[in-house]
C-alpha atoms as a PDB file:
ATOM      1  CA  MET A   1      27.345 -23.086 -24.382  1.00  0.00           C
ATOM      2  CA  ASN A   2      29.436 -20.987 -22.131  1.00  0.00           C
ATOM      3  CA  PHE A   3      29.229 -17.943 -24.492  1.00  0.00           C
ATOM      4  CA  LEU A   4      25.366 -18.649 -24.109  1.00  0.00           C
ATOM      5  CA  TYR A   5      25.236 -18.894 -20.315  1.00  0.00           C
ATOM      6  CA  LYS A   6      27.677 -15.281 -20.581  1.00  0.00           C
ATOM      7  CA  ILE A   7      25.051 -13.831 -22.726  1.00  0.00           C
ATOM      8  CA  PHE A   8      22.127 -14.764 -20.324  1.00  0.00           C
ATOM      9  CA  PHE A   9      23.872 -13.780 -17.539  1.00  0.00           C
ATOM     10  CA  ILE A  10      24.568 -10.042 -18.889  1.00  0.00           C
ATOM     11  CA  PHE A  11      20.698  -9.888 -19.538  1.00  0.00           C
ATOM     12  CA  LEU A  12      20.086 -10.392 -16.230  1.00  0.00           C
ATOM     13  CA  LEU A  13      22.235  -8.101 -15.116  1.00  0.00           C
ATOM     14  CA  ASN A  14      21.286  -5.729 -17.369  1.00  0.00           C
ATOM     15  CA  ALA A  15      17.092  -6.659 -16.916  1.00  0.00           C
ATOM     16  CA  THR A  16      17.408  -6.142 -12.918  1.00  0.00           C
ATOM     17  CA  PRO A  17      18.123  -2.310 -13.005  1.00  0.00           C
ATOM     18  CA  LEU A  18      15.023  -1.842 -15.790  1.00  0.00           C
ATOM     19  CA  LEU A  19      12.517  -4.053 -13.653  1.00  0.00           C
ATOM     20  CA  ALA A  20      12.728  -1.834 -10.845  1.00  0.00           C
ATOM     21  CA  ASP A  21      13.225   1.266 -13.032  1.00  0.00           C
ATOM     22  CA  GLU A  22       9.562   0.622 -14.987  1.00  0.00           C
ATOM     23  CA  ALA A  23       8.533  -0.293 -11.196  1.00  0.00           C
ATOM     24  CA  SER A  24       9.897   3.869 -10.074  1.00  0.00           C
ATOM     25  CA  ASP A  25       7.940   4.919 -13.122  1.00  0.00           C
ATOM     26  CA  TRP A  26       4.669   3.737 -12.505  1.00  0.00           C
ATOM     27  CA  LEU A  27       4.959   4.486  -8.738  1.00  0.00           C
ATOM     28  CA  LYS A  28       6.004   8.285  -9.201  1.00  0.00           C
ATOM     29  CA  LYS A  29       2.848   8.201 -11.901  1.00  0.00           C
ATOM     30  CA  GLU A  30       0.673   7.169  -9.381  1.00  0.00           C
ATOM     31  CA  ILE A  31       1.708   9.094  -6.136  1.00  0.00           C
ATOM     32  CA  ASP A  32       1.410  12.471  -8.345  1.00  0.00           C
ATOM     33  CA  ASN A  33      -2.009  11.774  -9.403  1.00  0.00           C
ATOM     34  CA  ILE A  34      -3.059  11.714  -5.544  1.00  0.00           C
ATOM     35  CA  LEU A  35      -0.602  14.798  -4.947  1.00  0.00           C
ATOM     36  CA  ASP A  36      -2.106  16.873  -8.071  1.00  0.00           C
ATOM     37  CA  ALA A  37      -5.450  16.163  -6.322  1.00  0.00           C
ATOM     38  CA  TYR A  38      -4.285  17.195  -2.903  1.00  0.00           C
ATOM     39  CA  LYS A  39      -2.813  20.927  -4.182  1.00  0.00           C
ATOM     40  CA  ASP A  40      -5.805  21.268  -6.208  1.00  0.00           C
ATOM     41  CA  THR A  41      -8.014  23.629  -3.645  1.00  0.00           C
ATOM     42  CA  SER A  42     -11.070  23.392  -6.140  1.00  0.00           C
ATOM     43  CA  VAL A  43     -11.111  19.410  -5.840  1.00  0.00           C
ATOM     44  CA  SER A  44     -13.399  18.693  -2.573  1.00  0.00           C
ATOM     45  CA  LYS A  45     -12.149  16.559   0.582  1.00  0.00           C
ATOM     46  CA  VAL A  46     -15.198  13.787  -1.205  1.00  0.00           C
ATOM     47  CA  ASP A  47     -13.632  13.792  -4.447  1.00  0.00           C
ATOM     48  CA  ARG A  48      -9.942  13.710  -2.988  1.00  0.00           C
ATOM     49  CA  PHE A  49     -10.442  10.439  -0.793  1.00  0.00           C
ATOM     50  CA  ASN A  50     -12.793   8.582  -3.877  1.00  0.00           C
ATOM     51  CA  LEU A  51      -9.017   9.249  -5.713  1.00  0.00           C
ATOM     52  CA  ILE A  52      -7.490   7.670  -2.845  1.00  0.00           C
ATOM     53  CA  GLU A  53     -10.175   4.665  -2.365  1.00  0.00           C
ATOM     54  CA  ASP A  54     -10.027   4.093  -6.374  1.00  0.00           C
ATOM     55  CA  SER A  55      -6.019   4.156  -6.188  1.00  0.00           C
ATOM     56  CA  ILE A  56      -6.041   1.767  -3.313  1.00  0.00           C
ATOM     57  CA  ASN A  57      -8.614  -0.720  -4.482  1.00  0.00           C
ATOM     58  CA  ASN A  58      -6.258  -0.369  -8.334  1.00  0.00           C
ATOM     59  CA  ASN A  59      -2.837  -0.403  -7.104  1.00  0.00           C
ATOM     60  CA  PHE A  60      -2.384  -2.405  -3.893  1.00  0.00           C
ATOM     61  CA  ALA A  61      -2.391  -6.035  -3.036  1.00  0.00           C
ATOM     62  CA  GLY A  62      -5.379  -5.469  -0.912  1.00  0.00           C
ATOM     63  CA  ALA A  63      -6.597  -9.223  -0.896  1.00  0.00           C
ATOM     64  CA  GLY A  64      -3.526 -10.558  -0.517  1.00  0.00           C
ATOM     65  CA  ILE A  65      -2.600  -7.860   2.611  1.00  0.00           C
ATOM     66  CA  SER A  66      -6.416  -8.129   4.306  1.00  0.00           C
ATOM     67  CA  LYS A  67      -6.035 -12.375   4.416  1.00  0.00           C
ATOM     68  CA  PHE A  68      -2.617 -11.712   6.339  1.00  0.00           C
ATOM     69  CA  VAL A  69      -3.456  -9.311   8.468  1.00  0.00           C
ATOM     70  CA  ALA A  70      -6.688 -11.363   9.390  1.00  0.00           C
ATOM     71  CA  GLY A  71      -3.953 -14.074  10.235  1.00  0.00           C
ATOM     72  CA  LYS A  72      -6.161 -17.757  11.463  1.00  0.00           C
ATOM     73  CA  SER A  73      -9.512 -15.873  11.826  1.00  0.00           C
ATOM     74  CA  TRP A  74      -9.424 -16.128   8.017  1.00  0.00           C
ATOM     75  CA  PHE A  75      -9.593 -19.441   7.563  1.00  0.00           C
ATOM     76  CA  SER A  76     -12.935 -19.762   9.549  1.00  0.00           C
ATOM     77  CA  ALA A  77     -15.235 -17.026   8.240  1.00  0.00           C
ATOM     78  CA  SER A  78     -17.105 -17.909   5.727  1.00  0.00           C
ATOM     79  CA  LYS A  79     -17.230 -16.999   1.929  1.00  0.00           C
ATOM     80  CA  GLU A  80     -19.020 -13.835   2.417  1.00  0.00           C
ATOM     81  CA  THR A  81     -17.903 -12.920   5.598  1.00  0.00           C
ATOM     82  CA  LYS A  82     -14.501 -12.462   3.979  1.00  0.00           C
ATOM     83  CA  LYS A  83     -15.979 -11.016   0.773  1.00  0.00           C
ATOM     84  CA  GLU A  84     -17.098  -7.780   3.500  1.00  0.00           C
ATOM     85  CA  TYR A  85     -13.630  -7.963   5.574  1.00  0.00           C
ATOM     86  CA  VAL A  86     -11.667  -7.252   2.306  1.00  0.00           C
ATOM     87  CA  LYS A  87     -13.780  -4.556   1.351  1.00  0.00           C
ATOM     88  CA  LEU A  88     -13.843  -3.161   4.668  1.00  0.00           C
ATOM     89  CA  PHE A  89     -10.057  -3.317   5.161  1.00  0.00           C
ATOM     90  CA  LYS A  90      -9.561  -2.167   1.630  1.00  0.00           C
ATOM     91  CA  ARG A  91     -11.688   1.452   3.171  1.00  0.00           C
ATOM     92  CA  HIS A  92      -9.924   1.447   6.562  1.00  0.00           C
ATOM     93  CA  LEU A  93      -6.695   1.305   4.275  1.00  0.00           C
ATOM     94  CA  ALA A  94      -7.695   4.350   2.349  1.00  0.00           C
ATOM     95  CA  LEU A  95      -8.937   6.307   5.212  1.00  0.00           C
ATOM     96  CA  ASN A  96      -5.553   5.669   6.533  1.00  0.00           C
ATOM     97  CA  ILE A  97      -3.794   6.733   4.170  1.00  0.00           C
ATOM     98  CA  ALA A  98      -5.853   9.910   3.585  1.00  0.00           C
ATOM     99  CA  SER A  99      -5.121  10.991   7.206  1.00  0.00           C
ATOM    100  CA  ILE A 100      -1.344  10.694   6.190  1.00  0.00           C
ATOM    101  CA  MET A 101      -1.360  12.524   2.912  1.00  0.00           C
ATOM    102  CA  GLN A 102      -3.105  15.384   5.153  1.00  0.00           C
ATOM    103  CA  GLY A 103       0.375  15.873   6.392  1.00  0.00           C
ATOM    104  CA  TYR A 104       2.204  15.207   3.934  1.00  0.00           C
ATOM    105  CA  SER A 105       0.483  16.303   0.373  1.00  0.00           C
ATOM    106  CA  TYR A 106       2.538  19.772   0.334  1.00  0.00           C
ATOM    107  CA  GLN A 107       5.769  17.897   0.960  1.00  0.00           C
ATOM    108  CA  GLU A 108       8.168  17.438  -1.517  1.00  0.00           C
ATOM    109  CA  TYR A 109       9.398  13.898  -2.148  1.00  0.00           C
ATOM    110  CA  VAL A 110      11.986  12.413  -4.326  1.00  0.00           C
ATOM    111  CA  LEU A 111      12.838   8.735  -5.284  1.00  0.00           C
ATOM    112  CA  ILE A 112      15.780   7.767  -4.485  1.00  0.00           C
ATOM    113  CA  ASN A 113      16.528   4.405  -5.165  1.00  0.00           C
ATOM    114  CA  SER A 114      15.242   1.222  -6.570  1.00  0.00           C
ATOM    115  CA  LYS A 115      16.204  -1.931  -6.513  1.00  0.00           C
ATOM    116  CA  TYR A 116      15.242  -5.504  -7.312  1.00  0.00           C
ATOM    117  CA  ASP A 117      14.632  -8.229  -5.504  1.00  0.00           C
ATOM    118  CA  GLU A 118      15.075 -10.901  -7.744  1.00  0.00           C
ATOM    119  CA  LYS A 119      14.564 -13.913  -5.488  1.00  0.00           C
ATOM    120  CA  ASN A 120      11.107 -12.670  -4.434  1.00  0.00           C
ATOM    121  CA  LYS A 121      10.486 -10.933  -7.659  1.00  0.00           C
ATOM    122  CA  VAL A 122      10.177  -7.211  -5.983  1.00  0.00           C
ATOM    123  CA  SER A 123      10.944  -4.186  -6.527  1.00  0.00           C
ATOM    124  CA  MET A 124      12.469  -1.943  -3.832  1.00  0.00           C
ATOM    125  CA  ILE A 125      11.500   1.586  -4.158  1.00  0.00           C
ATOM    126  CA  ASP A 126      13.121   4.404  -1.608  1.00  0.00           C
ATOM    127  CA  MET A 127      11.290   7.617  -1.472  1.00  0.00           C
ATOM    128  CA  GLU A 128      12.604  10.365   0.445  1.00  0.00           C
ATOM    129  CA  ILE A 129       9.750  13.647   1.802  1.00  0.00           C
ATOM    130  CA  HIS A 130      11.586  16.178   2.707  1.00  0.00           C
ATOM    131  CA  ASN A 131       9.803  18.763   5.135  1.00  0.00           C
ATOM    132  CA  ASP A 132      11.043  21.852   7.974  1.00  0.00           C
ATOM    133  CA  THR A 133      11.940  18.825  10.535  1.00  0.00           C
ATOM    134  CA  GLY A 134      14.188  16.812   8.412  1.00  0.00           C
ATOM    135  CA  ASN A 135      13.473  13.894   5.783  1.00  0.00           C
ATOM    136  CA  LEU A 136      11.222  10.396   5.766  1.00  0.00           C
ATOM    137  CA  LEU A 137      12.406   7.896   4.199  1.00  0.00           C
ATOM    138  CA  VAL A 138       9.692   5.575   3.141  1.00  0.00           C
ATOM    139  CA  THR A 139      10.159   2.257   1.057  1.00  0.00           C
ATOM    140  CA  TRP A 140       7.892   1.135  -1.293  1.00  0.00           C
ATOM    141  CA  ARG A 141       8.030  -2.982  -1.704  1.00  0.00           C
ATOM    142  CA  VAL A 142       6.116  -3.259  -5.062  1.00  0.00           C
ATOM    143  CA  LYS A 143       5.224  -6.511  -7.085  1.00  0.00           C
ATOM    144  CA  LYS A 144       4.108  -7.392 -11.136  1.00  0.00           C
ATOM    145  CA  SER A 145       1.961  -9.910 -11.623  1.00  0.00           C
ATOM    146  CA  LYS A 146       0.137 -10.728 -14.834  1.00  0.00           C
ATOM    147  CA  ASP A 147       1.195  -7.014 -16.336  1.00  0.00           C
ATOM    148  CA  ARG A 148       0.192  -4.736 -13.402  1.00  0.00           C
ATOM    149  CA  TYR A 149       2.335  -3.364 -10.488  1.00  0.00           C
ATOM    150  CA  PHE A 150       0.377  -3.711  -6.993  1.00  0.00           C
ATOM    151  CA  VAL A 151       2.109  -2.270  -3.804  1.00  0.00           C
ATOM    152  CA  ILE A 152       2.438  -5.430  -1.177  1.00  0.00           C
ATOM    153  CA  ASP A 153       3.674  -3.466   1.797  1.00  0.00           C
ATOM    154  CA  LEU A 154       4.520   0.289   2.975  1.00  0.00           C
ATOM    155  CA  ILE A 155       7.504   0.694   4.905  1.00  0.00           C
ATOM    156  CA  VAL A 156       7.501   4.224   6.930  1.00  0.00           C
ATOM    157  CA  ALA A 157      11.194   4.902   8.791  1.00  0.00           C
ATOM    158  CA  ASP A 158      11.679   1.152   9.075  1.00  0.00           C
ATOM    159  CA  ILE A 159       8.271   0.104  10.582  1.00  0.00           C
ATOM    160  CA  SER A 160       6.215  -2.377   8.095  1.00  0.00           C
ATOM    161  CA  LEU A 161       2.514  -0.704   7.194  1.00  0.00           C
ATOM    162  CA  VAL A 162       1.489  -4.614   6.558  1.00  0.00           C
ATOM    163  CA  VAL A 163       2.910  -5.944  10.013  1.00  0.00           C
ATOM    164  CA  THR A 164       2.371  -3.089  12.050  1.00  0.00           C
ATOM    165  CA  LYS A 165      -1.679  -3.715  10.651  1.00  0.00           C
ATOM    166  CA  ARG A 166      -1.181  -7.615  11.536  1.00  0.00           C
ATOM    167  CA  SER A 167      -0.229  -6.674  15.090  1.00  0.00           C
ATOM    168  CA  GLU A 168      -3.029  -3.593  15.649  1.00  0.00           C
ATOM    169  CA  PHE A 169      -5.749  -6.500  13.772  1.00  0.00           C
ATOM    170  CA  ASN A 170      -4.288  -9.010  16.271  1.00  0.00           C
ATOM    171  CA  SER A 171      -5.409  -7.148  19.141  1.00  0.00           C
ATOM    172  CA  MET A 172      -8.796  -6.313  17.666  1.00  0.00           C
ATOM    173  CA  LEU A 173      -9.887  -9.525  16.724  1.00  0.00           C
ATOM    174  CA  LYS A 174      -8.415 -10.956  20.691  1.00  0.00           C
ATOM    175  CA  LYS A 175     -11.601  -9.021  21.913  1.00  0.00           C
ATOM    176  CA  VAL A 176     -13.953 -10.516  19.593  1.00  0.00           C
ATOM    177  CA  ASP A 177     -13.105 -13.916  20.057  1.00  0.00           C
ATOM    178  CA  GLN A 178     -11.120 -14.665  16.864  1.00  0.00           C
ATOM    179  CA  LYS A 179     -14.208 -13.901  14.808  1.00  0.00           C
ATOM    180  CA  LEU A 180     -14.067 -12.151  11.640  1.00  0.00           C
ATOM    181  CA  SER A 181     -17.877 -11.280  11.498  1.00  0.00           C
ATOM    182  CA  GLU A 182     -17.335  -9.487  14.678  1.00  0.00           C
ATOM    183  CA  LEU A 183     -14.452  -8.084  13.490  1.00  0.00           C
ATOM    184  CA  ASN A 184     -16.212  -6.656  10.609  1.00  0.00           C
ATOM    185  CA  VAL A 185     -18.312  -4.960  12.857  1.00  0.00           C
ATOM    186  CA  VAL A 186     -16.000  -3.234  14.507  1.00  0.00           C
ATOM    187  CA  LEU A 187     -14.290  -1.669  11.325  1.00  0.00           C
ATOM    188  CA  ARG A 188     -17.415  -0.590   9.499  1.00  0.00           C
ATOM    189  CA  SER A 189     -18.423   1.832  12.519  1.00  0.00           C
ATOM    190  CA  GLN A 190     -14.661   2.814  12.584  1.00  0.00           C
ATOM    191  CA  ASN A 191     -14.423   3.487   9.356  1.00  0.00           C
ATOM    192  CA  GLU A 192     -17.759   6.178   8.873  1.00  0.00           C
ATOM    193  CA  SER A 193     -16.062   7.447  12.034  1.00  0.00           C
ATOM    194  CA  SER A 194     -12.665   8.174  10.425  1.00  0.00           C
ATOM    195  CA  TYR A 195     -14.857   8.854   6.819  1.00  0.00           C
ATOM    196  CA  SER A 196     -16.598  11.746   8.663  1.00  0.00           C
ATOM    197  CA  ILE A 197     -13.732  13.329  10.048  1.00  0.00           C
ATOM    198  CA  ILE A 198     -11.633  13.285   6.788  1.00  0.00           C
ATOM    199  CA  THR A 199     -14.315  14.623   4.598  1.00  0.00           C
ATOM    200  CA  ASN A 200     -15.038  17.474   7.133  1.00  0.00           C
END
């Protein structure tokens, strides 16, 4: 029996790095697809954004992130309001990342470290972006669900995107009496304005 336990323990030690490496390979492929589109001058700004939005919809845990960001306002909202909010939030996230990409699309990056958090079942992947002023460290938190990987958070210079959005949306919700339906109106207007800037 002790021998079996030892074999199982060795398997865990060997499997944990493999899980992280597998997630890193997936992440690199997704990032490169977007960067290639930004470097290709024949791709229109609209098509570039559409690529990012598709990537966000497919690869980010958008529903879970948006629910966390909405806080207590989520629970008092109707089903239709929640559905609309998740859709608007995903676009908001895509627009934010598209804006960031404009500044970093021509920079070089390297995935420098990856580790698997066995307790939380999350891969932590460190990416270093090289530019003229120095290096920027970005940590991707990636989780596997139903044989697919999803980004659950993005940490830039030790600042969590999800936590930052929670704080930002909490301030916005205070202005509309914590009503998610009214936040949707504000968010839709912001998205339209940001989309116009990104694609023109």
